[in-house]
């Protein structure tokens, strides 16, 4: 090949190399632009999700949190945790002759920092200030005297500030921000964050109106209570038996409360008295026990109805003492069946305590049966079934409240009881796992249970 041909070939190869290098640079540039757009879209999506999370939480709290302090404290906590802000402060308008703003609520600040802000009078945020609308200050924001004063005073380089108004007057400023901005963990604050904070300030304004209304109602109620007290004093002067009647009313109220606590757990009773209703709650670590007399139907035909009720009353009274001894909650009795549980009212609960109570109930019935005539001894035996797992506990309905528990754990406990035999305490595999080192267990393998298929069951006794 001639030198001229080689030069032509080399020139062509160089042209092709330059072409593909240029093409590669264009593709790389396009990928960078696409990645940038995708990152921006992801950032916007996260902003929307965080904003929705906070607004949804505020919506749920609105109307329930009628106290100003609770509402603001919870809001600031939501802002710092959900929007990943380092510090948030609500600067409240000073009252009296002083002009300016001072921190009233804060989150993320050290005590010394709050004291430092208190010592500075933020009069540059007063109503006459030319900047009366929400604004943000990030790396790209053109600085001005207001931004610099806030940065220095609040010890916060990058922030968003939104006003809070009552009756068209600014009464506070909420300022939240970060100490640094660096992708990807600390993205710069932008208009999306500003929109979220503006929406939050709207909820705060509504919450303040709600709180103000409640304060007015509370004041009216106190005035009404004071007036009623005055009337009571006047009536007391005219009748000597009013105090006796009040005492009688107090005692009746106490009896009613004692009766309520005898029917419902204290937490449920308190919630019911406070709100007029009590929400059912999921308890994840409950242990449920059923006891049932053997051949009860046949036994009921051997004695009178009055004797039968008296026998059940005596036995169940002793069961009540046993459940109280071991910290169990009595749920209900159904005929000759006695249902109790632990871990259903918020306390930790112990499956071991339930087993000990079940064994003691079994022993009590057998001891009591020894005193009976020979023809009745066979009826004084019980089956005991215990199961551990999650339940839903609470009260339902509007009248004749009764604390109860629901769920597959309850149904399975009943089947475990049915699968037991007279004079035995039968437990499920979950209960066995919860306290396998505390007792002597006898594995029964898988036992068929109605509507449950085969279930692993164990007889249990105290260690000698």
Protein backbone atom coordinates (compact mmCIF):
# COMPACT_ATOMS: atom_id res chain seq x y z
CA UNK A 1 0.00 0.00 0.00
CA UNK A 2 1.37 3.38 -0.98
CA UNK A 3 2.13 6.12 1.51
CA UNK A 4 -0.65 8.23 0.07
CA UNK A 5 -3.19 5.41 0.57
CA UNK A 6 -2.04 4.94 4.17
CA UNK A 7 -2.48 8.64 4.87
CA UNK A 8 -5.99 8.57 3.43
CA UNK A 9 -6.88 5.51 5.53
CA UNK A 10 -5.46 7.06 8.71
CA UNK A 11 -7.35 10.29 8.08
CA UNK A 12 -10.58 8.32 7.64
CA UNK A 13 -9.99 6.39 10.85
CA UNK A 14 -9.26 9.61 12.72
CA UNK A 15 -12.47 11.15 11.38
CA UNK A 16 -14.47 8.15 12.58
CA UNK A 17 -12.81 8.29 16.04
CA UNK A 18 -13.64 12.00 16.33
CA UNK A 19 -17.21 11.34 15.25
CA UNK A 20 -17.80 8.60 17.84
CA UNK A 21 -16.09 10.61 20.56
CA UNK A 22 -18.42 13.52 19.84
CA UNK A 23 -21.38 11.15 19.78
CA UNK A 24 -20.30 9.63 23.12
CA UNK A 25 -20.00 13.11 24.67
CA UNK A 26 -23.51 13.98 23.48
CA UNK A 27 -24.94 10.75 24.92
CA UNK A 28 -23.13 11.32 28.24
CA UNK A 29 -24.45 14.86 28.37
CA UNK A 30 -27.96 13.67 27.66
CA UNK A 31 -27.66 11.05 30.44
CA UNK A 32 -26.47 13.70 32.89
CA UNK A 33 -29.39 15.95 31.99
CA UNK A 34 -31.81 12.99 32.33
CA UNK A 35 -30.34 12.01 35.73
CA UNK A 36 -30.65 15.61 36.87
CA UNK A 37 -34.28 15.77 35.77
CA UNK A 38 -35.04 12.44 37.44
CA UNK A 39 -33.38 13.59 40.68
CA UNK A 40 -35.40 16.79 40.56
CA UNK A 41 -38.63 14.88 39.98
CA UNK A 42 -37.80 12.51 42.86
CA UNK A 43 -37.12 15.51 45.09
CA UNK A 44 -40.50 17.02 44.17
CA UNK A 45 -42.24 13.69 44.83
CA UNK A 46 -40.60 13.34 48.26
CA UNK A 47 -41.62 16.93 49.07
CA UNK A 48 -45.24 16.17 48.16
CA UNK A 49 -45.22 12.93 50.19
CA UNK A 50 -43.72 14.64 53.25
CA UNK A 51 -46.15 17.53 52.95
CA UNK A 52 -49.07 15.13 52.66
CA UNK A 53 -47.85 13.18 55.71
CA UNK A 54 -47.70 16.31 57.89
CA UNK A 55 -50.98 17.79 56.64
CA UNK A 56 -52.70 14.44 57.12
CA UNK A 57 -51.41 14.21 60.71
CA UNK A 58 -52.49 17.79 61.41
CA UNK A 59 -55.90 17.08 59.90
CA UNK A 60 -56.32 14.08 62.23
CA UNK A 61 -55.22 16.14 65.24
CA UNK A 62 -57.33 19.16 64.35
CA UNK A 63 -60.37 19.35 66.56
CA UNK A 64 -58.89 16.98 69.16
CA UNK A 65 -55.90 19.05 70.28
CA UNK A 66 -57.68 22.11 71.59
CA UNK A 67 -54.71 23.28 73.64
CA UNK A 68 -52.29 25.64 71.93
CA UNK A 69 -49.11 24.21 73.49
CA UNK A 70 -49.87 20.62 72.44
CA UNK A 71 -50.83 21.63 68.91
CA UNK A 72 -47.67 23.66 68.29
CA UNK A 73 -45.31 21.19 69.95
CA UNK A 74 -46.65 18.28 67.88
CA UNK A 75 -46.49 20.38 64.70
CA UNK A 76 -42.84 21.34 65.28
CA UNK A 77 -41.96 17.70 65.95
CA UNK A 78 -43.64 16.68 62.65
CA UNK A 79 -41.70 19.36 60.75
CA UNK A 80 -38.31 18.35 62.16
CA UNK A 81 -38.79 14.60 61.73
CA UNK A 82 -40.72 14.45 58.44
CA UNK A 83 -39.12 17.35 56.55
CA UNK A 84 -35.70 16.56 58.10
CA UNK A 85 -35.21 20.05 59.49
CA UNK A 86 -32.56 20.69 62.15
CA UNK A 87 -34.31 23.50 64.02
CA UNK A 88 -37.80 25.02 64.15
CA UNK A 89 -38.94 27.97 66.23
CA UNK A 90 -42.16 29.96 66.59
CA UNK A 91 -41.43 33.63 67.31
CA UNK A 92 -44.39 35.18 69.13
CA UNK A 93 -45.31 38.85 69.15
CA UNK A 94 -44.31 40.60 72.38
CA UNK A 95 -47.12 42.04 74.44
CA UNK A 96 -47.35 45.36 76.27
CA UNK A 97 -45.13 48.29 75.34
CA UNK A 98 -42.35 46.15 73.82
CA UNK A 99 -42.20 45.67 70.09
CA UNK A 100 -40.78 42.65 68.31
CA UNK A 101 -40.93 38.87 68.62
CA UNK A 102 -39.60 36.29 71.06
CA UNK A 103 -39.36 32.45 70.87
CA UNK A 104 -42.37 30.71 72.40
CA UNK A 105 -42.15 27.20 70.91
CA UNK A 106 -38.95 25.56 69.65
CA UNK A 107 -37.60 22.19 68.59
CA UNK A 108 -33.96 21.23 67.93
CA UNK A 109 -32.43 24.13 69.88
CA UNK A 110 -30.16 23.80 72.90
CA UNK A 111 -31.27 25.55 76.08
CA UNK A 112 -28.39 28.03 75.80
CA UNK A 113 -29.36 28.90 72.22
CA UNK A 114 -32.96 29.61 73.23
CA UNK A 115 -31.76 31.85 76.08
CA UNK A 116 -29.56 33.72 73.61
CA UNK A 117 -32.49 34.32 71.23
CA UNK A 118 -34.65 35.49 74.16
CA UNK A 119 -32.11 38.18 74.94
CA UNK A 120 -32.43 39.65 71.45
CA UNK A 121 -35.49 41.67 70.54
CA UNK A 122 -36.51 40.66 67.02
CA UNK A 123 -38.07 44.01 66.15
CA UNK A 124 -37.11 43.63 62.48
CA UNK A 125 -40.13 41.30 62.03
CA UNK A 126 -42.76 43.76 63.24
CA UNK A 127 -45.85 44.64 61.19
CA UNK A 128 -44.19 47.73 59.61
CA UNK A 129 -41.52 45.57 57.98
CA UNK A 130 -41.66 45.67 54.15
CA UNK A 131 -41.38 41.86 53.95
CA UNK A 132 -44.68 40.50 55.27
CA UNK A 133 -44.99 37.37 53.18
CA UNK A 134 -43.39 33.91 53.42
CA UNK A 135 -39.82 33.66 52.16
CA UNK A 136 -36.91 31.23 52.04
CA UNK A 137 -33.17 31.63 52.30
CA UNK A 138 -30.92 28.99 50.72
CA UNK A 139 -27.49 29.02 49.10
CA UNK A 140 -28.78 30.74 45.99
CA UNK A 141 -30.94 33.35 47.74
CA UNK A 142 -29.78 36.93 47.33
CA UNK A 143 -29.00 38.07 50.84
CA UNK A 144 -30.49 41.15 52.51
CA UNK A 145 -30.50 42.65 55.99
CA UNK A 146 -33.59 40.70 57.13
CA UNK A 147 -32.13 37.35 56.07
CA UNK A 148 -28.76 38.09 57.65
CA UNK A 149 -30.35 39.21 60.93
CA UNK A 150 -32.43 36.01 61.09
CA UNK A 151 -29.43 33.84 60.26
CA UNK A 152 -27.39 35.42 63.02
CA UNK A 153 -30.18 35.59 65.60
CA UNK A 154 -31.63 32.09 65.05
CA UNK A 155 -28.24 30.43 64.42
CA UNK A 156 -29.69 28.96 61.22
CA UNK A 157 -27.96 29.47 57.83
CA UNK A 158 -30.70 28.08 55.56
CA UNK A 159 -34.34 28.54 56.51
CA UNK A 160 -37.97 29.16 55.55
CA UNK A 161 -40.01 31.81 57.39
CA UNK A 162 -43.82 32.02 57.25
CA UNK A 163 -46.09 34.42 59.13
CA UNK A 164 -48.98 33.25 61.33
CA UNK A 165 -51.99 35.55 61.33
CA UNK A 166 -54.99 36.04 63.58
CA UNK A 167 -57.74 38.41 62.42
CA UNK A 168 -55.53 39.60 59.52
CA UNK A 169 -52.69 40.53 61.88
CA UNK A 170 -49.35 38.79 62.14
CA UNK A 171 -49.01 37.44 65.67
CA UNK A 172 -46.08 35.08 65.09
CA UNK A 173 -43.46 33.84 62.65
CA UNK A 174 -42.57 30.20 62.20
CA UNK A 175 -38.97 29.67 61.06
CA UNK A 176 -37.56 26.24 60.20
CA UNK A 177 -34.39 25.18 58.44
CA UNK A 178 -31.13 23.29 58.24
CA UNK A 179 -27.59 23.98 59.33
CA UNK A 180 -26.18 22.83 55.98
CA UNK A 181 -27.25 22.06 52.41
CA UNK A 182 -25.50 19.24 50.58
CA UNK A 183 -26.91 16.62 48.25
CA UNK A 184 -28.24 14.00 48.63
CA UNK A 185 -28.96 14.01 52.38
CA UNK A 186 -29.46 17.75 52.82
CA UNK A 187 -31.05 19.02 49.58
CA UNK A 188 -31.41 22.80 49.26
CA UNK A 189 -34.68 24.27 50.45
CA UNK A 190 -36.89 25.28 47.53
CA UNK A 191 -40.35 26.52 46.59
CA UNK A 192 -41.87 23.10 47.23
CA UNK A 193 -40.74 23.23 50.88
CA UNK A 194 -42.07 26.78 51.11
CA UNK A 195 -45.50 25.69 49.82
CA UNK A 196 -45.61 22.92 52.45
CA UNK A 197 -44.78 25.33 55.28
CA UNK A 198 -47.42 27.79 54.06
CA UNK A 199 -50.03 25.02 54.20
CA UNK A 200 -48.87 24.07 57.71
CA UNK A 201 -49.17 27.70 58.85
CA UNK A 202 -52.79 27.62 57.63
CA UNK A 203 -53.47 24.68 59.94
CA UNK A 204 -51.76 26.50 62.81
CA UNK A 205 -53.94 29.56 62.24
CA UNK A 206 -57.04 27.36 62.28
CA UNK A 207 -55.76 25.62 65.42
CA UNK A 208 -55.25 28.98 67.14
CA UNK A 209 -58.82 29.97 66.29
CA UNK A 210 -59.99 26.64 67.66
CA UNK A 211 -57.95 27.14 70.83
CA UNK A 212 -59.27 30.70 71.24
CA UNK A 213 -62.82 29.48 70.88
CA UNK A 214 -62.25 26.76 73.45
CA UNK A 215 -60.67 29.27 75.86
CA UNK A 216 -63.76 31.45 75.54
CA UNK A 217 -66.00 28.47 76.19
CA UNK A 218 -63.86 27.39 79.13
CA UNK A 219 -64.05 30.91 80.58
CA UNK A 220 -67.82 30.88 80.17
CA UNK A 221 -67.98 27.47 81.83
CA UNK A 222 -65.88 28.69 84.75
CA UNK A 223 -68.13 31.72 85.16
CA UNK A 224 -71.13 29.43 85.06
CA UNK A 225 -69.51 27.12 87.62
CA UNK A 226 -68.81 30.10 89.88
CA UNK A 227 -72.42 31.22 89.58
CA UNK A 228 -73.64 27.72 90.36
CA UNK A 229 -71.35 27.61 93.38
CA UNK A 230 -72.83 30.86 94.63
CA UNK A 231 -76.32 29.46 94.22
CA UNK A 232 -75.31 26.32 96.10
CA UNK A 233 -74.02 28.43 98.98
CA UNK A 234 -77.27 30.36 99.13
CA UNK A 235 -79.28 27.17 99.10
CA UNK A 236 -76.99 25.69 101.77
CA UNK A 237 -77.79 28.62 104.04
CA UNK A 238 -81.52 27.90 103.73
CA UNK A 239 -81.51 24.13 104.08
CA UNK A 240 -79.46 22.00 106.42
CA UNK A 241 -80.01 18.74 104.62
CA UNK A 242 -78.34 19.89 101.37
CA UNK A 243 -74.94 18.74 102.60
CA UNK A 244 -76.40 15.41 103.52
CA UNK A 245 -77.84 15.11 100.04
CA UNK A 246 -74.52 16.12 98.49
CA UNK A 247 -72.77 13.53 100.61
CA UNK A 248 -75.30 10.95 99.54
CA UNK A 249 -74.73 11.98 95.91
CA UNK A 250 -70.96 11.69 96.36
CA UNK A 251 -71.27 8.25 97.84
CA UNK A 252 -73.60 7.21 95.04
CA UNK A 253 -71.11 8.51 92.48
CA UNK A 254 -68.33 6.58 94.19
CA UNK A 255 -70.45 3.45 94.19
CA UNK A 256 -71.13 3.98 90.50
CA UNK A 257 -67.44 4.46 89.76
CA UNK A 258 -66.54 1.39 91.83
CA UNK A 259 -69.16 -0.58 89.93
CA UNK A 260 -67.80 0.70 86.63
CA UNK A 261 -64.26 -0.31 87.63
CA UNK A 262 -65.63 -3.71 88.62
CA UNK A 263 -66.97 -4.10 85.07
CA UNK A 264 -64.25 -2.40 82.99
CA UNK A 265 -60.46 -2.01 83.27
CA UNK A 266 -59.40 1.34 84.74
CA UNK A 267 -57.86 2.70 81.50
CA UNK A 268 -61.00 1.81 79.56
CA UNK A 269 -63.29 3.26 82.24
CA UNK A 270 -61.28 6.51 82.35
CA UNK A 271 -61.39 6.82 78.55
CA UNK A 272 -65.12 6.13 78.56
CA UNK A 273 -65.78 8.77 81.22
CA UNK A 274 -63.55 11.30 79.48
CA UNK A 275 -64.68 10.87 75.88
CA UNK A 276 -68.02 9.10 76.08
CA UNK A 277 -66.52 6.20 74.16
CA UNK A 278 -63.47 3.94 74.32
CA UNK A 279 -61.58 2.81 71.25
CA UNK A 280 -60.79 -0.87 70.85
CA UNK A 281 -57.01 -1.41 70.79
CA UNK A 282 -54.75 -4.10 69.37
CA UNK A 283 -52.75 -5.88 72.08
CA UNK A 284 -49.98 -7.94 70.51
CA UNK A 285 -48.92 -10.10 73.48
CA UNK A 286 -52.05 -11.33 75.23
CA UNK A 287 -52.62 -14.70 76.87
CA UNK A 288 -56.23 -15.94 76.99
CA UNK A 289 -57.62 -18.68 79.27
CA UNK A 290 -60.93 -20.55 79.18
CA UNK A 291 -62.17 -22.93 81.86
CA UNK A 292 -65.20 -25.17 81.46
CA UNK A 293 -66.89 -27.66 83.79
CA UNK A 294 -67.07 -31.27 82.59
CA UNK A 295 -70.59 -32.73 82.05
CA UNK A 296 -72.18 -29.49 83.18
CA UNK A 297 -75.47 -30.16 81.34
CA UNK A 298 -75.90 -33.47 83.15
CA UNK A 299 -74.88 -31.87 86.46
CA UNK A 300 -77.52 -29.14 86.07
CA UNK A 301 -80.22 -31.81 85.87
CA UNK A 302 -79.09 -33.35 89.20
CA UNK A 303 -79.73 -30.29 91.40
CA UNK A 304 -82.19 -27.39 91.57
CA UNK A 305 -81.63 -24.18 89.63
CA UNK A 306 -81.01 -22.25 92.84
CA UNK A 307 -78.37 -24.75 93.97
CA UNK A 308 -76.76 -24.72 90.54
CA UNK A 309 -76.43 -20.92 90.52
CA UNK A 310 -75.10 -20.98 94.09
CA UNK A 311 -72.42 -23.54 93.15
CA UNK A 312 -71.33 -21.53 90.10
CA UNK A 313 -71.29 -18.33 92.15
CA UNK A 314 -69.08 -19.91 94.80
CA UNK A 315 -66.64 -21.33 92.24
CA UNK A 316 -66.48 -18.16 90.14
CA UNK A 317 -65.96 -15.99 93.22
CA UNK A 318 -62.87 -18.07 94.02
CA UNK A 319 -61.80 -17.86 90.37
CA UNK A 320 -62.08 -14.06 90.67
CA UNK A 321 -59.75 -14.09 93.68
CA UNK A 322 -57.25 -16.25 91.79
CA UNK A 323 -57.26 -13.99 88.71
CA UNK A 324 -56.76 -10.95 90.96
CA UNK A 325 -53.89 -12.71 92.72
CA UNK A 326 -52.05 -13.29 89.44
CA UNK A 327 -52.92 -9.93 87.83
CA UNK A 328 -55.31 -11.31 85.22
CA UNK A 329 -58.29 -9.48 83.76
CA UNK A 330 -61.61 -11.28 84.08
CA UNK A 331 -63.37 -10.97 80.73
CA UNK A 332 -66.72 -12.70 81.24
CA UNK A 333 -68.57 -15.89 82.16
CA UNK A 334 -70.69 -17.77 79.64
CA UNK A 335 -72.81 -20.34 81.40
CA UNK A 336 -70.30 -22.56 83.17
CA UNK A 337 -67.34 -21.21 81.18
CA UNK A 338 -64.99 -18.65 82.75
CA UNK A 339 -62.84 -16.46 80.49
CA UNK A 340 -59.87 -14.40 81.65
CA UNK A 341 -56.71 -13.00 80.12
CA UNK A 342 -53.60 -10.99 80.73
CA UNK A 343 -51.87 -8.44 78.49
CA UNK A 344 -55.17 -7.03 77.22
CA UNK A 345 -55.23 -3.63 78.92
CA UNK A 346 -51.80 -2.31 78.01
CA UNK A 347 -49.76 -4.02 80.71
CA UNK A 348 -47.01 -6.40 79.63
CA UNK A 349 -48.70 -9.51 80.99
CA UNK A 350 -47.18 -12.92 81.61
CA UNK A 351 -48.21 -16.25 80.11
CA UNK A 352 -46.60 -17.89 83.16
CA UNK A 353 -49.03 -16.10 85.49
CA UNK A 354 -51.98 -17.30 83.41
CA UNK A 355 -50.75 -20.92 83.63
CA UNK A 356 -50.26 -20.64 87.40
CA UNK A 357 -53.78 -19.25 87.73
CA UNK A 358 -55.18 -22.06 85.57
CA UNK A 359 -53.45 -24.75 87.62
CA UNK A 360 -54.67 -23.15 90.87
CA UNK A 361 -58.26 -23.01 89.52
CA UNK A 362 -58.04 -26.69 88.55
CA UNK A 363 -56.68 -27.62 92.00
CA UNK A 364 -59.34 -25.57 93.79
CA UNK A 365 -62.19 -27.30 91.91
CA UNK A 366 -60.74 -30.78 92.59
CA UNK A 367 -60.26 -29.98 96.29
CA UNK A 368 -63.79 -28.56 96.50
CA UNK A 369 -65.16 -31.66 94.74
CA UNK A 370 -63.75 -33.96 97.40
CA UNK A 371 -66.22 -32.48 99.87
CA UNK A 372 -69.21 -33.37 97.68
CA UNK A 373 -71.33 -36.54 97.86
CA UNK A 374 -70.01 -39.46 95.83
CA UNK A 375 -72.68 -39.09 93.14
CA UNK A 376 -71.62 -35.45 92.49
CA UNK A 377 -67.81 -35.75 92.67
CA UNK A 378 -67.44 -36.49 88.93
CA UNK A 379 -68.94 -33.10 88.04
CA UNK A 380 -66.38 -31.05 89.95
CA UNK A 381 -63.66 -31.21 87.35
CA UNK A 382 -62.76 -28.58 84.79
CA UNK A 383 -60.93 -28.36 81.50
CA UNK A 384 -58.51 -25.45 81.09
CA UNK A 385 -57.28 -24.08 77.75
CA UNK A 386 -54.66 -21.33 77.28
CA UNK A 387 -53.38 -19.59 74.13
CA UNK A 388 -51.01 -16.66 73.52
CA UNK A 389 -51.14 -14.14 70.69
CA UNK A 390 -52.59 -10.82 69.49
CA UNK A 391 -56.13 -9.72 70.37
CA UNK A 392 -58.29 -6.64 69.91
CA UNK A 393 -59.57 -5.42 73.29
CA UNK A 394 -62.17 -2.81 74.20
CA UNK A 395 -65.88 -2.07 74.46
CA UNK A 396 -68.45 -1.81 71.69
CA UNK A 397 -71.95 -0.41 71.45
CA UNK A 398 -73.75 2.42 73.22
CA UNK A 399 -75.43 0.70 76.20
CA UNK A 400 -74.55 -1.86 78.85
CA UNK A 401 -70.84 -1.58 78.20
CA UNK A 402 -68.86 -4.77 78.58
CA UNK A 403 -65.11 -5.15 78.15
CA UNK A 404 -64.32 -7.94 75.70
CA UNK A 405 -61.58 -9.29 73.47
CA UNK A 406 -61.74 -10.57 69.91
CA UNK A 407 -59.55 -12.35 67.42
CA UNK A 408 -58.26 -15.71 66.32
CA UNK A 409 -56.23 -15.98 69.54
CA UNK A 410 -59.50 -16.02 71.52
CA UNK A 411 -61.15 -18.59 69.27
CA UNK A 412 -58.08 -20.81 69.40
CA UNK A 413 -57.97 -20.60 73.22
CA UNK A 414 -61.54 -21.87 73.33
CA UNK A 415 -60.60 -24.75 71.02
CA UNK A 416 -57.58 -25.55 73.20
CA UNK A 417 -59.96 -25.79 76.17
CA UNK A 418 -62.31 -28.06 74.24
CA UNK A 419 -59.32 -30.23 73.32
CA UNK A 420 -58.30 -30.66 76.96
CA UNK A 421 -59.53 -33.37 79.30
CA UNK A 422 -60.99 -33.28 82.81
CA UNK A 423 -58.50 -32.10 85.40
CA UNK A 424 -55.88 -30.97 82.89
CA UNK A 425 -54.47 -27.60 81.85
CA UNK A 426 -53.96 -27.61 78.09
CA UNK A 427 -51.86 -24.95 76.31
CA UNK A 428 -51.02 -24.05 72.72
CA UNK A 429 -47.60 -24.05 71.08
CA UNK A 430 -47.34 -20.24 71.33
CA UNK A 431 -47.94 -20.38 75.09
CA UNK A 432 -45.45 -23.23 75.41
CA UNK A 433 -42.79 -21.14 73.65
CA UNK A 434 -43.51 -18.16 75.93
CA UNK A 435 -42.72 -20.05 79.16
CA UNK A 436 -41.29 -23.45 78.25
CA UNK A 437 -38.60 -23.24 80.96
CA UNK A 438 -40.99 -22.40 83.82
CA UNK A 439 -43.15 -25.57 83.91
CA UNK A 440 -43.24 -29.25 83.07
CA UNK A 441 -44.87 -29.75 79.65
CA UNK A 442 -46.21 -32.95 78.14
CA UNK A 443 -46.45 -32.77 74.36
CA UNK A 444 -49.69 -34.19 72.97
CA UNK A 445 -48.75 -33.70 69.33
CA UNK A 446 -51.31 -32.28 66.93
CA UNK A 447 -54.91 -32.53 68.14
CA UNK A 448 -57.90 -31.96 65.85
CA UNK A 449 -59.86 -28.80 66.74
CA UNK A 450 -63.22 -27.69 65.37
CA UNK A 451 -62.82 -25.31 62.41
CA UNK A 452 -59.07 -25.09 63.13
CA UNK A 453 -57.65 -28.31 61.80
CA UNK A 454 -54.88 -29.89 63.83
CA UNK A 455 -53.22 -27.81 66.58
CA UNK A 456 -50.10 -28.57 68.63
CA UNK A 457 -51.14 -28.94 72.27
CA UNK A 458 -49.35 -29.54 75.58
CA UNK A 459 -50.45 -30.53 79.08
CA UNK A 460 -48.71 -28.43 81.70
CA UNK A 461 -47.98 -28.81 85.42
CA UNK A 462 -45.93 -26.92 87.99
CA UNK A 463 -42.36 -28.06 88.53
CA UNK A 464 -42.00 -30.15 91.67
